[in-house]
Amino acid sequence: MTTILLIIHLVLAVSLVALILLQRSEGGALGMGGGGSSGGGLMTGRASANFLTRTTAAVAALFMVTSLGLAILANKSQRPRSLLDEIPVEAAPVMPVEPLEPEGPVVPFGE
């Protein structure tokens, strides 16, 4: 199930990039899609822009749905972990620490 959803997700990602690059930009630098006054085209500039915009929105919505689906599937496949679960039940007893006695004469600091 995850593999199929991942393949669909990748196809949607590639098609989303292609659809975005086909749209006419404000400057017209990357606009490869039909538009302007080319005349004789199947669709007018406005019709192709509306079609590309709506198709991009639909593919983007499907991309988000597959993203959520993959996140949910990934979350279900892992068992929830807690730091408290990793503490061993029988811990070693804690030994009391005795204060250290100085070995030689004690000289006050600064003298």
C-alpha atoms as a PDB file:
ATOM      1  CA  MET A   1       0.000   0.000   0.000  1.00  0.00           C
ATOM      2  CA  THR A   2       2.765   2.395   0.905  1.00  0.00           C
ATOM      3  CA  THR A   3       4.669   1.642  -2.296  1.00  0.00           C
ATOM      4  CA  ILE A   4       1.648   2.336  -4.483  1.00  0.00           C
ATOM      5  CA  LEU A   5       0.898   5.565  -2.652  1.00  0.00           C
ATOM      6  CA  LEU A   6       4.547   6.609  -2.923  1.00  0.00           C
ATOM      7  CA  ILE A   7       4.575   6.016  -6.687  1.00  0.00           C
ATOM      8  CA  ILE A   8       1.383   8.058  -7.080  1.00  0.00           C
ATOM      9  CA  HIS A   9       2.943  10.773  -4.920  1.00  0.00           C
ATOM     10  CA  LEU A  10       6.053  10.926  -7.107  1.00  0.00           C
ATOM     11  CA  VAL A  11       4.007  11.093 -10.316  1.00  0.00           C
ATOM     12  CA  LEU A  12       1.946  13.923  -8.827  1.00  0.00           C
ATOM     13  CA  ALA A  13       5.119  15.773  -7.801  1.00  0.00           C
ATOM     14  CA  VAL A  14       6.608  15.588 -11.292  1.00  0.00           C
ATOM     15  CA  SER A  15       3.332  16.609 -12.939  1.00  0.00           C
ATOM     16  CA  LEU A  16       2.937  19.486 -10.486  1.00  0.00           C
ATOM     17  CA  VAL A  17       6.368  20.823 -11.411  1.00  0.00           C
ATOM     18  CA  ALA A  18       5.571  20.467 -15.122  1.00  0.00           C
ATOM     19  CA  LEU A  19       2.228  22.241 -14.745  1.00  0.00           C
ATOM     20  CA  ILE A  20       3.777  25.108 -12.837  1.00  0.00           C
ATOM     21  CA  LEU A  21       6.492  25.558 -15.470  1.00  0.00           C
ATOM     22  CA  LEU A  22       3.921  25.488 -18.285  1.00  0.00           C
ATOM     23  CA  GLN A  23       1.981  28.398 -16.845  1.00  0.00           C
ATOM     24  CA  ARG A  24       2.684  31.851 -18.101  1.00  0.00           C
ATOM     25  CA  SER A  25       4.608  33.870 -15.562  1.00  0.00           C
ATOM     26  CA  GLU A  26       4.161  37.588 -14.964  1.00  0.00           C
ATOM     27  CA  GLY A  27       7.253  38.401 -16.992  1.00  0.00           C
ATOM     28  CA  GLY A  28       6.546  35.704 -19.545  1.00  0.00           C
ATOM     29  CA  ALA A  29      10.085  34.331 -19.210  1.00  0.00           C
ATOM     30  CA  LEU A  30       9.182  30.708 -18.464  1.00  0.00           C
ATOM     31  CA  GLY A  31       5.770  30.608 -20.105  1.00  0.00           C
ATOM     32  CA  MET A  32       5.926  27.715 -22.544  1.00  0.00           C
ATOM     33  CA  GLY A  33       2.199  27.123 -22.598  1.00  0.00           C
ATOM     34  CA  GLY A  34       0.024  28.648 -25.265  1.00  0.00           C
ATOM     35  CA  GLY A  35      -0.966  32.208 -24.673  1.00  0.00           C
ATOM     36  CA  GLY A  36      -0.828  35.649 -26.112  1.00  0.00           C
ATOM     37  CA  SER A  37      -1.710  36.355 -29.731  1.00  0.00           C
ATOM     38  CA  SER A  38      -0.431  33.200 -31.377  1.00  0.00           C
ATOM     39  CA  GLY A  39      -3.754  32.747 -33.215  1.00  0.00           C
ATOM     40  CA  GLY A  40      -5.028  29.490 -34.593  1.00  0.00           C
ATOM     41  CA  GLY A  41      -4.545  27.612 -31.338  1.00  0.00           C
ATOM     42  CA  LEU A  42      -6.971  25.129 -29.893  1.00  0.00           C
ATOM     43  CA  MET A  43      -7.685  27.299 -26.858  1.00  0.00           C
ATOM     44  CA  THR A  44      -7.403  31.012 -26.368  1.00  0.00           C
ATOM     45  CA  GLY A  45      -4.856  32.416 -23.936  1.00  0.00           C
ATOM     46  CA  ARG A  46      -7.411  32.902 -21.195  1.00  0.00           C
ATOM     47  CA  ALA A  47      -8.933  29.434 -21.619  1.00  0.00           C
ATOM     48  CA  SER A  48      -5.553  27.717 -21.441  1.00  0.00           C
ATOM     49  CA  ALA A  49      -4.589  29.789 -18.390  1.00  0.00           C
ATOM     50  CA  ASN A  50      -7.815  28.822 -16.613  1.00  0.00           C
ATOM     51  CA  PHE A  51      -7.321  25.165 -17.555  1.00  0.00           C
ATOM     52  CA  LEU A  52      -3.719  25.114 -16.321  1.00  0.00           C
ATOM     53  CA  THR A  53      -4.641  26.950 -13.115  1.00  0.00           C
ATOM     54  CA  ARG A  54      -7.464  24.565 -12.296  1.00  0.00           C
ATOM     55  CA  THR A  55      -5.425  21.507 -13.192  1.00  0.00           C
ATOM     56  CA  THR A  56      -2.555  22.755 -11.033  1.00  0.00           C
ATOM     57  CA  ALA A  57      -4.918  23.292  -8.105  1.00  0.00           C
ATOM     58  CA  ALA A  58      -6.370  19.786  -8.495  1.00  0.00           C
ATOM     59  CA  VAL A  59      -2.932  18.149  -8.722  1.00  0.00           C
ATOM     60  CA  ALA A  60      -1.743  20.186  -5.721  1.00  0.00           C
ATOM     61  CA  ALA A  61      -4.762  19.030  -3.694  1.00  0.00           C
ATOM     62  CA  LEU A  62      -4.074  15.392  -4.622  1.00  0.00           C
ATOM     63  CA  PHE A  63      -0.401  15.917  -3.720  1.00  0.00           C
ATOM     64  CA  MET A  64      -1.415  17.124  -0.252  1.00  0.00           C
ATOM     65  CA  VAL A  65      -3.772  14.174   0.214  1.00  0.00           C
ATOM     66  CA  THR A  66      -1.057  11.683  -0.721  1.00  0.00           C
ATOM     67  CA  SER A  67       1.383  13.506   1.595  1.00  0.00           C
ATOM     68  CA  LEU A  68      -1.034  13.128   4.497  1.00  0.00           C
ATOM     69  CA  GLY A  69      -1.672   9.498   3.579  1.00  0.00           C
ATOM     70  CA  LEU A  70       2.042   8.714   3.540  1.00  0.00           C
ATOM     71  CA  ALA A  71       2.512  10.462   6.887  1.00  0.00           C
ATOM     72  CA  ILE A  72      -0.331   8.475   8.449  1.00  0.00           C
ATOM     73  CA  LEU A  73       0.986   5.186   7.057  1.00  0.00           C
ATOM     74  CA  ALA A  74       4.501   5.948   8.277  1.00  0.00           C
ATOM     75  CA  ASN A  75       3.182   6.782  11.738  1.00  0.00           C
ATOM     76  CA  LYS A  76       1.188   3.562  11.999  1.00  0.00           C
ATOM     77  CA  SER A  77       4.127   1.393  11.016  1.00  0.00           C
ATOM     78  CA  GLN A  78       6.224   2.549  13.951  1.00  0.00           C
ATOM     79  CA  ARG A  79       5.509   1.602  17.522  1.00  0.00           C
ATOM     80  CA  PRO A  80       5.299   4.594  19.855  1.00  0.00           C
ATOM     81  CA  ARG A  81       8.418   4.793  21.971  1.00  0.00           C
ATOM     82  CA  SER A  82       9.000   6.396  25.299  1.00  0.00           C
ATOM     83  CA  LEU A  83      12.149   6.932  27.317  1.00  0.00           C
ATOM     84  CA  LEU A  84      10.414   5.329  30.275  1.00  0.00           C
ATOM     85  CA  ASP A  85       9.975   2.110  28.289  1.00  0.00           C
ATOM     86  CA  GLU A  86      13.725   1.867  27.732  1.00  0.00           C
ATOM     87  CA  ILE A  87      14.692   1.983  31.440  1.00  0.00           C
ATOM     88  CA  PRO A  88      15.509  -1.539  32.667  1.00  0.00           C
ATOM     89  CA  VAL A  89      13.130  -2.864  35.288  1.00  0.00           C
ATOM     90  CA  GLU A  90      15.837  -4.148  37.603  1.00  0.00           C
ATOM     91  CA  ALA A  91      18.270  -1.277  37.921  1.00  0.00           C
ATOM     92  CA  ALA A  92      21.514  -1.650  39.847  1.00  0.00           C
ATOM     93  CA  PRO A  93      21.352  -0.355  43.411  1.00  0.00           C
ATOM     94  CA  VAL A  94      22.793   3.087  43.939  1.00  0.00           C
ATOM     95  CA  MET A  95      25.853   3.062  46.168  1.00  0.00           C
ATOM     96  CA  PRO A  96      26.185   5.927  48.631  1.00  0.00           C
ATOM     97  CA  VAL A  97      29.062   8.259  47.875  1.00  0.00           C
ATOM     98  CA  GLU A  98      31.340   9.119  50.773  1.00  0.00           C
ATOM     99  CA  PRO A  99      32.893  12.591  50.900  1.00  0.00           C
ATOM    100  CA  LEU A 100      36.534  12.753  49.869  1.00  0.00           C
ATOM    101  CA  GLU A 101      39.094  13.475  52.573  1.00  0.00           C
ATOM    102  CA  PRO A 102      42.060  15.679  51.614  1.00  0.00           C
ATOM    103  CA  GLU A 103      45.378  13.810  51.478  1.00  0.00           C
ATOM    104  CA  GLY A 104      47.667  16.563  52.717  1.00  0.00           C
ATOM    105  CA  PRO A 105      47.449  19.774  54.711  1.00  0.00           C
ATOM    106  CA  VAL A 106      44.633  22.089  53.702  1.00  0.00           C
ATOM    107  CA  VAL A 107      45.821  25.495  52.483  1.00  0.00           C
ATOM    108  CA  PRO A 108      43.195  28.228  52.135  1.00  0.00           C
ATOM    109  CA  PHE A 109      42.790  29.551  48.611  1.00  0.00           C
ATOM    110  CA  GLY A 110      44.627  32.796  47.868  1.00  0.00           C
ATOM    111  CA  GLU A 111      47.481  32.447  50.350  1.00  0.00           C
END
